Amino acid sequence: MIAFLVYQIIGRRKENRIWPTRLSPRIRKLTITKRKWAEQGKFLTGRITRPETDRLPPGQHLVKNWPVLDLGQQPQVSAERWKLDVRGFVNNRRTLDWAAFQALPQTEMRSDIHCVTTWSRYDNNWKGVSTHDFLDLVDPQDEAVAVMLTSYDGYTTNLLLSDFASPDAIIVTEWEGKPLSEEHGGPVRLVVPHLYFWKSAKWLNRIEFLDRDQAGFWEKNGYHMRGDPWSEERYSDD
């Protein structure tokens, strides 16, 4: 997932996409490049597999390191001033600070991650709050069918509630036994390992529960609304 400073972006719509007009040359170049990838279907193999039979999704290659995909614009958010705003179609709207979040049940998980730019990394060890426990706390209303994640840099991405609630999804504060680093989205990020990693928002600041699925930043720029790696849902069908 590549994060963007949305407060630098003033976009205009064209064919249901965001076309940035006030981006630095570096960000603008990357955004245009990734839109072209979507238009060209770059990296697509045409294969469909399942995680039960193929651990590595089609078109992916393994790496041992954890690549950092950003533009050098990493928001500096200390644990002391970090907050998570929960709003929308939930019965318990609230704003959690670091102490309140740490007081929730803590869970450890191990999972693989898969980036839409074709790298995958196996056996990542996470610690944080499972989305199952988080949902018990906020109690979504019957109308809720999706969530919109917003990062401290303004990046947004959407998830179906069923994907957010998946048993493998976790709101992470630690990786490999250490606090999650700033470059990888610390102090808090989401990890939804069964989807491409742009769906796992870094620097998590807000979770809004929605009564319909809505597109986030990359989803408005040609990328798939869901992002299943085993079905190669890299790009929109539109």
C-alpha atoms as a PDB file:
ATOM      1  CA  MET A   1       0.000   0.000   0.000  1.00  0.00           C
ATOM      2  CA  ILE A   2       1.326   3.430  -0.940  1.00  0.00           C
ATOM      3  CA  ALA A   3       0.218   6.292   1.246  1.00  0.00           C
ATOM      4  CA  PHE A   4      -0.644   9.755   0.051  1.00  0.00           C
ATOM      5  CA  LEU A   5      -1.034  13.148   1.693  1.00  0.00           C
ATOM      6  CA  VAL A   6      -4.599  13.742   0.669  1.00  0.00           C
ATOM      7  CA  TYR A   7      -4.566  17.264   1.989  1.00  0.00           C
ATOM      8  CA  GLN A   8      -2.133  17.960  -0.884  1.00  0.00           C
ATOM      9  CA  ILE A   9      -4.583  16.528  -3.395  1.00  0.00           C
ATOM     10  CA  ILE A  10      -7.303  18.486  -5.113  1.00  0.00           C
ATOM     11  CA  GLY A  11      -8.794  16.089  -7.580  1.00  0.00           C
ATOM     12  CA  ARG A  12     -11.281  16.233 -10.406  1.00  0.00           C
ATOM     13  CA  ARG A  13     -13.297  13.251 -11.554  1.00  0.00           C
ATOM     14  CA  LYS A  14     -12.956  11.652 -14.953  1.00  0.00           C
ATOM     15  CA  GLU A  15     -14.483   8.278 -15.679  1.00  0.00           C
ATOM     16  CA  ASN A  16     -15.019   7.800 -11.928  1.00  0.00           C
ATOM     17  CA  ARG A  17     -11.301   8.258 -11.175  1.00  0.00           C
ATOM     18  CA  ILE A  18      -9.332  10.797  -9.200  1.00  0.00           C
ATOM     19  CA  TRP A  19      -6.891  12.845 -11.251  1.00  0.00           C
ATOM     20  CA  PRO A  20      -4.571  14.717  -8.885  1.00  0.00           C
ATOM     21  CA  THR A  21      -3.739  18.293  -9.830  1.00  0.00           C
ATOM     22  CA  ARG A  22      -1.549  19.434  -6.921  1.00  0.00           C
ATOM     23  CA  LEU A  23       0.899  16.611  -6.383  1.00  0.00           C
ATOM     24  CA  SER A  24       4.650  16.727  -6.167  1.00  0.00           C
ATOM     25  CA  PRO A  25       6.247  15.549  -9.427  1.00  0.00           C
ATOM     26  CA  ARG A  26       7.291  12.274  -7.784  1.00  0.00           C
ATOM     27  CA  ILE A  27       3.825  11.444  -6.448  1.00  0.00           C
ATOM     28  CA  ARG A  28       2.119  12.535  -9.643  1.00  0.00           C
ATOM     29  CA  LYS A  29       4.431  10.359 -11.743  1.00  0.00           C
ATOM     30  CA  LEU A  30       3.759   7.280  -9.612  1.00  0.00           C
ATOM     31  CA  THR A  31      -0.006   7.844  -9.595  1.00  0.00           C
ATOM     32  CA  ILE A  32      -0.084   8.164 -13.373  1.00  0.00           C
ATOM     33  CA  THR A  33       2.146   5.090 -13.720  1.00  0.00           C
ATOM     34  CA  LYS A  34      -0.091   2.961 -11.533  1.00  0.00           C
ATOM     35  CA  ARG A  35      -3.189   4.093 -13.421  1.00  0.00           C
ATOM     36  CA  LYS A  36      -1.477   2.956 -16.613  1.00  0.00           C
ATOM     37  CA  TRP A  37      -0.743  -0.411 -14.994  1.00  0.00           C
ATOM     38  CA  ALA A  38      -4.452  -0.770 -14.285  1.00  0.00           C
ATOM     39  CA  GLU A  39      -5.392   0.195 -17.832  1.00  0.00           C
ATOM     40  CA  GLN A  40      -2.839  -2.239 -19.287  1.00  0.00           C
ATOM     41  CA  GLY A  41      -3.548  -5.068 -16.838  1.00  0.00           C
ATOM     42  CA  LYS A  42       0.129  -5.154 -15.847  1.00  0.00           C
ATOM     43  CA  PHE A  43       1.243  -8.279 -13.919  1.00  0.00           C
ATOM     44  CA  LEU A  44      -1.925 -10.229 -14.758  1.00  0.00           C
ATOM     45  CA  THR A  45      -1.343 -13.904 -15.571  1.00  0.00           C
ATOM     46  CA  GLY A  46      -4.951 -14.959 -16.149  1.00  0.00           C
ATOM     47  CA  ARG A  47      -4.633 -17.739 -13.576  1.00  0.00           C
ATOM     48  CA  ILE A  48      -7.038 -18.327 -10.707  1.00  0.00           C
ATOM     49  CA  THR A  49      -5.944 -20.465  -7.769  1.00  0.00           C
ATOM     50  CA  ARG A  50      -6.991 -20.995  -4.161  1.00  0.00           C
ATOM     51  CA  PRO A  51      -4.982 -20.537  -0.955  1.00  0.00           C
ATOM     52  CA  GLU A  52      -5.890 -24.070   0.134  1.00  0.00           C
ATOM     53  CA  THR A  53      -3.818 -25.482  -2.743  1.00  0.00           C
ATOM     54  CA  ASP A  54      -1.414 -22.663  -3.678  1.00  0.00           C
ATOM     55  CA  ARG A  55       0.254 -20.684  -0.925  1.00  0.00           C
ATOM     56  CA  LEU A  56       1.757 -18.223  -3.403  1.00  0.00           C
ATOM     57  CA  PRO A  57      -0.911 -16.379  -5.431  1.00  0.00           C
ATOM     58  CA  PRO A  58      -0.531 -16.154  -9.223  1.00  0.00           C
ATOM     59  CA  GLY A  59       1.906 -13.548 -10.483  1.00  0.00           C
ATOM     60  CA  GLN A  60       3.639 -13.170  -7.103  1.00  0.00           C
ATOM     61  CA  HIS A  61       7.285 -13.743  -6.113  1.00  0.00           C
ATOM     62  CA  LEU A  62       8.727 -14.298  -2.648  1.00  0.00           C
ATOM     63  CA  VAL A  63      10.906 -11.801  -0.800  1.00  0.00           C
ATOM     64  CA  LYS A  64      12.687 -12.174   2.538  1.00  0.00           C
ATOM     65  CA  ASN A  65      12.729  -8.502   3.450  1.00  0.00           C
ATOM     66  CA  TRP A  66       9.640  -6.345   3.910  1.00  0.00           C
ATOM     67  CA  PRO A  67       9.670  -3.729   1.129  1.00  0.00           C
ATOM     68  CA  VAL A  68       8.691  -0.192   2.083  1.00  0.00           C
ATOM     69  CA  LEU A  69       6.245   1.299  -0.392  1.00  0.00           C
ATOM     70  CA  ASP A  70       5.770   4.973   0.262  1.00  0.00           C
ATOM     71  CA  LEU A  71       6.946   8.300  -1.080  1.00  0.00           C
ATOM     72  CA  GLY A  72       8.965   9.466   1.893  1.00  0.00           C
ATOM     73  CA  GLN A  73       5.870  11.030   3.408  1.00  0.00           C
ATOM     74  CA  GLN A  74       5.495   9.034   6.577  1.00  0.00           C
ATOM     75  CA  PRO A  75       3.326  10.762   9.190  1.00  0.00           C
ATOM     76  CA  GLN A  76       5.077  10.933  12.532  1.00  0.00           C
ATOM     77  CA  VAL A  77       2.465   9.832  15.053  1.00  0.00           C
ATOM     78  CA  SER A  78       3.618   8.904  18.530  1.00  0.00           C
ATOM     79  CA  ALA A  79       1.721   6.353  20.582  1.00  0.00           C
ATOM     80  CA  GLU A  80       0.982   9.105  23.088  1.00  0.00           C
ATOM     81  CA  ARG A  81      -0.959  11.194  20.594  1.00  0.00           C
ATOM     82  CA  TRP A  82      -2.339   8.392  18.416  1.00  0.00           C
ATOM     83  CA  LYS A  83      -6.137   8.067  18.328  1.00  0.00           C
ATOM     84  CA  LEU A  84      -8.577   5.860  16.449  1.00  0.00           C
ATOM     85  CA  ASP A  85     -11.946   7.367  15.593  1.00  0.00           C
ATOM     86  CA  VAL A  86     -14.798   4.870  15.113  1.00  0.00           C
ATOM     87  CA  ARG A  87     -17.913   6.220  13.436  1.00  0.00           C
ATOM     88  CA  GLY A  88     -20.773   5.376  11.110  1.00  0.00           C
ATOM     89  CA  PHE A  89     -23.237   2.504  11.469  1.00  0.00           C
ATOM     90  CA  VAL A  90     -22.124   1.224  14.873  1.00  0.00           C
ATOM     91  CA  ASN A  91     -23.887   1.241  18.211  1.00  0.00           C
ATOM     92  CA  ASN A  92     -20.757   2.246  20.128  1.00  0.00           C
ATOM     93  CA  ARG A  93     -19.110   5.184  18.414  1.00  0.00           C
ATOM     94  CA  ARG A  94     -15.942   6.135  20.195  1.00  0.00           C
ATOM     95  CA  THR A  95     -12.435   7.488  19.954  1.00  0.00           C
ATOM     96  CA  LEU A  96      -9.763   5.173  21.322  1.00  0.00           C
ATOM     97  CA  ASP A  97      -6.413   6.427  22.551  1.00  0.00           C
ATOM     98  CA  TRP A  98      -3.328   4.249  22.963  1.00  0.00           C
ATOM     99  CA  ALA A  99      -4.125   3.222  26.551  1.00  0.00           C
ATOM    100  CA  ALA A 100      -7.703   2.251  25.695  1.00  0.00           C
ATOM    101  CA  PHE A 101      -6.544   0.259  22.670  1.00  0.00           C
ATOM    102  CA  GLN A 102      -3.893  -1.577  24.670  1.00  0.00           C
ATOM    103  CA  ALA A 103      -6.530  -2.467  27.271  1.00  0.00           C
ATOM    104  CA  LEU A 104      -8.439  -4.495  24.662  1.00  0.00           C
ATOM    105  CA  PRO A 105      -7.734  -8.242  24.361  1.00  0.00           C
ATOM    106  CA  GLN A 106      -4.349  -8.704  22.677  1.00  0.00           C
ATOM    107  CA  THR A 107      -3.881 -11.381  20.035  1.00  0.00           C
ATOM    108  CA  GLU A 108      -0.882 -12.856  18.231  1.00  0.00           C
ATOM    109  CA  MET A 109      -1.175 -14.091  14.644  1.00  0.00           C
ATOM    110  CA  ARG A 110       1.107 -15.360  11.891  1.00  0.00           C
ATOM    111  CA  SER A 111       0.260 -14.726   8.258  1.00  0.00           C
ATOM    112  CA  ASP A 112       1.613 -14.177   4.753  1.00  0.00           C
ATOM    113  CA  ILE A 113       1.259 -10.838   2.979  1.00  0.00           C
ATOM    114  CA  HIS A 114       0.880 -10.146  -0.745  1.00  0.00           C
ATOM    115  CA  CYS A 115       1.451  -6.782  -2.422  1.00  0.00           C
ATOM    116  CA  VAL A 116      -0.259  -5.875  -5.685  1.00  0.00           C
ATOM    117  CA  THR A 117       3.203  -4.936  -7.038  1.00  0.00           C
ATOM    118  CA  THR A 118       3.881  -8.732  -7.043  1.00  0.00           C
ATOM    119  CA  TRP A 119       5.975  -9.359  -3.921  1.00  0.00           C
ATOM    120  CA  SER A 120       4.865 -11.713  -1.152  1.00  0.00           C
ATOM    121  CA  ARG A 121       6.382 -12.384   2.264  1.00  0.00           C
ATOM    122  CA  TYR A 122       5.643 -15.501   4.298  1.00  0.00           C
ATOM    123  CA  ASP A 123       5.296 -16.050   8.053  1.00  0.00           C
ATOM    124  CA  ASN A 124       4.912 -12.569   9.492  1.00  0.00           C
ATOM    125  CA  ASN A 125       4.285 -12.518  13.242  1.00  0.00           C
ATOM    126  CA  TRP A 126       1.854  -9.861  14.414  1.00  0.00           C
ATOM    127  CA  LYS A 127       0.465  -8.668  17.717  1.00  0.00           C
ATOM    128  CA  GLY A 128      -2.529  -6.424  18.219  1.00  0.00           C
ATOM    129  CA  VAL A 129      -6.313  -6.527  18.469  1.00  0.00           C
ATOM    130  CA  SER A 130      -8.196  -8.972  16.281  1.00  0.00           C
ATOM    131  CA  THR A 131     -10.978  -7.400  14.277  1.00  0.00           C
ATOM    132  CA  HIS A 132     -13.301  -9.962  15.868  1.00  0.00           C
ATOM    133  CA  ASP A 133     -12.638  -8.477  19.321  1.00  0.00           C
ATOM    134  CA  PHE A 134     -12.795  -4.959  17.908  1.00  0.00           C
ATOM    135  CA  LEU A 135     -16.219  -5.628  16.399  1.00  0.00           C
ATOM    136  CA  ASP A 136     -17.448  -6.962  19.730  1.00  0.00           C
ATOM    137  CA  LEU A 137     -16.499  -3.596  21.206  1.00  0.00           C
ATOM    138  CA  VAL A 138     -18.066  -1.277  18.634  1.00  0.00           C
ATOM    139  CA  ASP A 139     -21.112  -3.447  17.780  1.00  0.00           C
ATOM    140  CA  PRO A 140     -21.911  -2.757  14.094  1.00  0.00           C
ATOM    141  CA  GLN A 141     -25.527  -2.056  13.237  1.00  0.00           C
ATOM    142  CA  ASP A 142     -27.455  -4.276  10.849  1.00  0.00           C
ATOM    143  CA  GLU A 143     -27.086  -1.669   8.099  1.00  0.00           C
ATOM    144  CA  ALA A 144     -23.283  -1.897   8.111  1.00  0.00           C
ATOM    145  CA  VAL A 145     -21.924  -3.802   5.097  1.00  0.00           C
ATOM    146  CA  ALA A 146     -18.511  -2.198   4.567  1.00  0.00           C
ATOM    147  CA  VAL A 147     -15.839  -0.068   6.221  1.00  0.00           C
ATOM    148  CA  MET A 148     -13.750   2.856   5.019  1.00  0.00           C
ATOM    149  CA  LEU A 149     -10.268   3.080   6.513  1.00  0.00           C
ATOM    150  CA  THR A 150      -8.554   6.453   6.751  1.00  0.00           C
ATOM    151  CA  SER A 151      -4.873   6.915   7.555  1.00  0.00           C
ATOM    152  CA  TYR A 152      -3.100   9.799   9.273  1.00  0.00           C
ATOM    153  CA  ASP A 153      -1.799  10.913   5.866  1.00  0.00           C
ATOM    154  CA  GLY A 154      -5.318  10.954   4.419  1.00  0.00           C
ATOM    155  CA  TYR A 155      -5.040   7.691   2.464  1.00  0.00           C
ATOM    156  CA  THR A 156      -8.330   5.782   2.220  1.00  0.00           C
ATOM    157  CA  THR A 157      -9.267   2.238   1.287  1.00  0.00           C
ATOM    158  CA  ASN A 158     -12.488   0.255   1.576  1.00  0.00           C
ATOM    159  CA  LEU A 159     -13.289  -3.263   2.767  1.00  0.00           C
ATOM    160  CA  LEU A 160     -16.421  -5.333   2.858  1.00  0.00           C
ATOM    161  CA  LEU A 161     -17.409  -5.920   6.464  1.00  0.00           C
ATOM    162  CA  SER A 162     -17.040  -9.664   5.889  1.00  0.00           C
ATOM    163  CA  ASP A 163     -13.382  -9.152   4.910  1.00  0.00           C
ATOM    164  CA  PHE A 164     -12.729  -6.806   7.828  1.00  0.00           C
ATOM    165  CA  ALA A 165     -14.265  -9.412  10.153  1.00  0.00           C
ATOM    166  CA  SER A 166     -12.214 -12.289   8.727  1.00  0.00           C
ATOM    167  CA  PRO A 167     -10.490 -14.513  11.328  1.00  0.00           C
ATOM    168  CA  ASP A 168      -7.078 -13.569   9.893  1.00  0.00           C
ATOM    169  CA  ALA A 169      -7.595  -9.786  10.154  1.00  0.00           C
ATOM    170  CA  ILE A 170      -5.851  -7.888  12.942  1.00  0.00           C
ATOM    171  CA  ILE A 171      -5.227  -4.284  13.958  1.00  0.00           C
ATOM    172  CA  VAL A 172      -1.487  -4.416  14.495  1.00  0.00           C
ATOM    173  CA  THR A 173       0.871  -2.683  16.931  1.00  0.00           C
ATOM    174  CA  GLU A 174       3.815  -5.136  16.800  1.00  0.00           C
ATOM    175  CA  TRP A 175       5.681  -7.068  14.112  1.00  0.00           C
ATOM    176  CA  GLU A 176       8.201  -9.791  14.954  1.00  0.00           C
ATOM    177  CA  GLY A 177       8.066  -8.953  18.649  1.00  0.00           C
ATOM    178  CA  LYS A 178       8.834  -5.245  18.255  1.00  0.00           C
ATOM    179  CA  PRO A 179       6.667  -2.126  18.006  1.00  0.00           C
ATOM    180  CA  LEU A 180       5.516  -1.549  14.452  1.00  0.00           C
ATOM    181  CA  SER A 181       7.920   0.908  12.839  1.00  0.00           C
ATOM    182  CA  GLU A 182       6.860   4.201  11.319  1.00  0.00           C
ATOM    183  CA  GLU A 183       7.890   3.125   7.826  1.00  0.00           C
ATOM    184  CA  HIS A 184       5.599   0.102   8.019  1.00  0.00           C
ATOM    185  CA  GLY A 185       2.610   2.031   9.340  1.00  0.00           C
ATOM    186  CA  GLY A 186       3.222   2.337  13.065  1.00  0.00           C
ATOM    187  CA  PRO A 187       2.075   2.885  15.637  1.00  0.00           C
ATOM    188  CA  VAL A 188      -1.076   1.126  14.367  1.00  0.00           C
ATOM    189  CA  ARG A 189      -2.073  -0.379  11.033  1.00  0.00           C
ATOM    190  CA  LEU A 190      -4.573  -2.917   9.786  1.00  0.00           C
ATOM    191  CA  VAL A 191      -3.470  -6.269   8.368  1.00  0.00           C
ATOM    192  CA  VAL A 192      -5.925  -8.207   6.195  1.00  0.00           C
ATOM    193  CA  PRO A 193      -3.631 -10.899   4.778  1.00  0.00           C
ATOM    194  CA  HIS A 194      -6.120 -12.614   2.479  1.00  0.00           C
ATOM    195  CA  LEU A 195      -6.355  -9.458   0.320  1.00  0.00           C
ATOM    196  CA  TYR A 196      -3.708  -7.473  -1.540  1.00  0.00           C
ATOM    197  CA  PHE A 197      -1.759  -5.372   0.913  1.00  0.00           C
ATOM    198  CA  TRP A 198      -2.969  -1.942  -0.252  1.00  0.00           C
ATOM    199  CA  LYS A 199      -6.145  -2.889   1.638  1.00  0.00           C
ATOM    200  CA  SER A 200      -4.176  -3.026   4.919  1.00  0.00           C
ATOM    201  CA  ALA A 201      -4.091   0.686   5.707  1.00  0.00           C
ATOM    202  CA  LYS A 202      -1.007   2.097   7.423  1.00  0.00           C
ATOM    203  CA  TRP A 203      -1.080   4.753  10.168  1.00  0.00           C
ATOM    204  CA  LEU A 204      -4.691   3.920  10.943  1.00  0.00           C
ATOM    205  CA  ASN A 205      -6.683   6.888  12.218  1.00  0.00           C
ATOM    206  CA  ARG A 206     -10.347   6.263  11.414  1.00  0.00           C
ATOM    207  CA  ILE A 207     -12.689   3.356  10.730  1.00  0.00           C
ATOM    208  CA  GLU A 208     -16.095   4.302   9.371  1.00  0.00           C
ATOM    209  CA  PHE A 209     -18.828   1.689   9.060  1.00  0.00           C
ATOM    210  CA  LEU A 210     -20.871   2.154   5.889  1.00  0.00           C
ATOM    211  CA  ASP A 211     -24.263   0.999   4.651  1.00  0.00           C
ATOM    212  CA  ARG A 212     -22.812   0.496   1.150  1.00  0.00           C
ATOM    213  CA  ASP A 213     -19.384  -0.236  -0.272  1.00  0.00           C
ATOM    214  CA  GLN A 214     -17.567   2.924  -1.380  1.00  0.00           C
ATOM    215  CA  ALA A 215     -14.294   3.282  -3.253  1.00  0.00           C
ATOM    216  CA  GLY A 216     -11.132   4.504  -1.542  1.00  0.00           C
ATOM    217  CA  PHE A 217      -8.158   6.243  -3.155  1.00  0.00           C
ATOM    218  CA  TRP A 218      -6.703   3.475  -5.318  1.00  0.00           C
ATOM    219  CA  GLU A 219     -10.127   2.012  -5.990  1.00  0.00           C
ATOM    220  CA  LYS A 220     -11.033   5.332  -7.643  1.00  0.00           C
ATOM    221  CA  ASN A 221      -7.882   5.084  -9.724  1.00  0.00           C
ATOM    222  CA  GLY A 222      -8.489   1.784 -11.458  1.00  0.00           C
ATOM    223  CA  TYR A 223      -7.844  -0.771  -8.722  1.00  0.00           C
ATOM    224  CA  HIS A 224     -10.224  -3.517  -7.668  1.00  0.00           C
ATOM    225  CA  MET A 225     -12.872  -2.891  -5.027  1.00  0.00           C
ATOM    226  CA  ARG A 226     -11.976  -6.123  -3.199  1.00  0.00           C
ATOM    227  CA  GLY A 227      -8.483  -7.316  -4.140  1.00  0.00           C
ATOM    228  CA  ASP A 228      -8.336 -11.118  -3.788  1.00  0.00           C
ATOM    229  CA  PRO A 229      -4.755 -12.187  -4.718  1.00  0.00           C
ATOM    230  CA  TRP A 230      -5.714 -15.751  -5.699  1.00  0.00           C
ATOM    231  CA  SER A 231      -8.258 -14.423  -8.202  1.00  0.00           C
ATOM    232  CA  GLU A 232      -5.824 -11.704  -9.343  1.00  0.00           C
ATOM    233  CA  GLU A 233      -8.260  -8.944  -8.448  1.00  0.00           C
ATOM    234  CA  ARG A 234      -5.605  -6.304  -9.036  1.00  0.00           C
ATOM    235  CA  TYR A 235      -7.630  -3.914 -11.156  1.00  0.00           C
ATOM    236  CA  SER A 236     -11.196  -2.778 -11.660  1.00  0.00           C
ATOM    237  CA  ASP A 237     -13.331  -4.409 -14.330  1.00  0.00           C
ATOM    238  CA  ASP A 238     -14.790  -0.997 -15.250  1.00  0.00           C
END
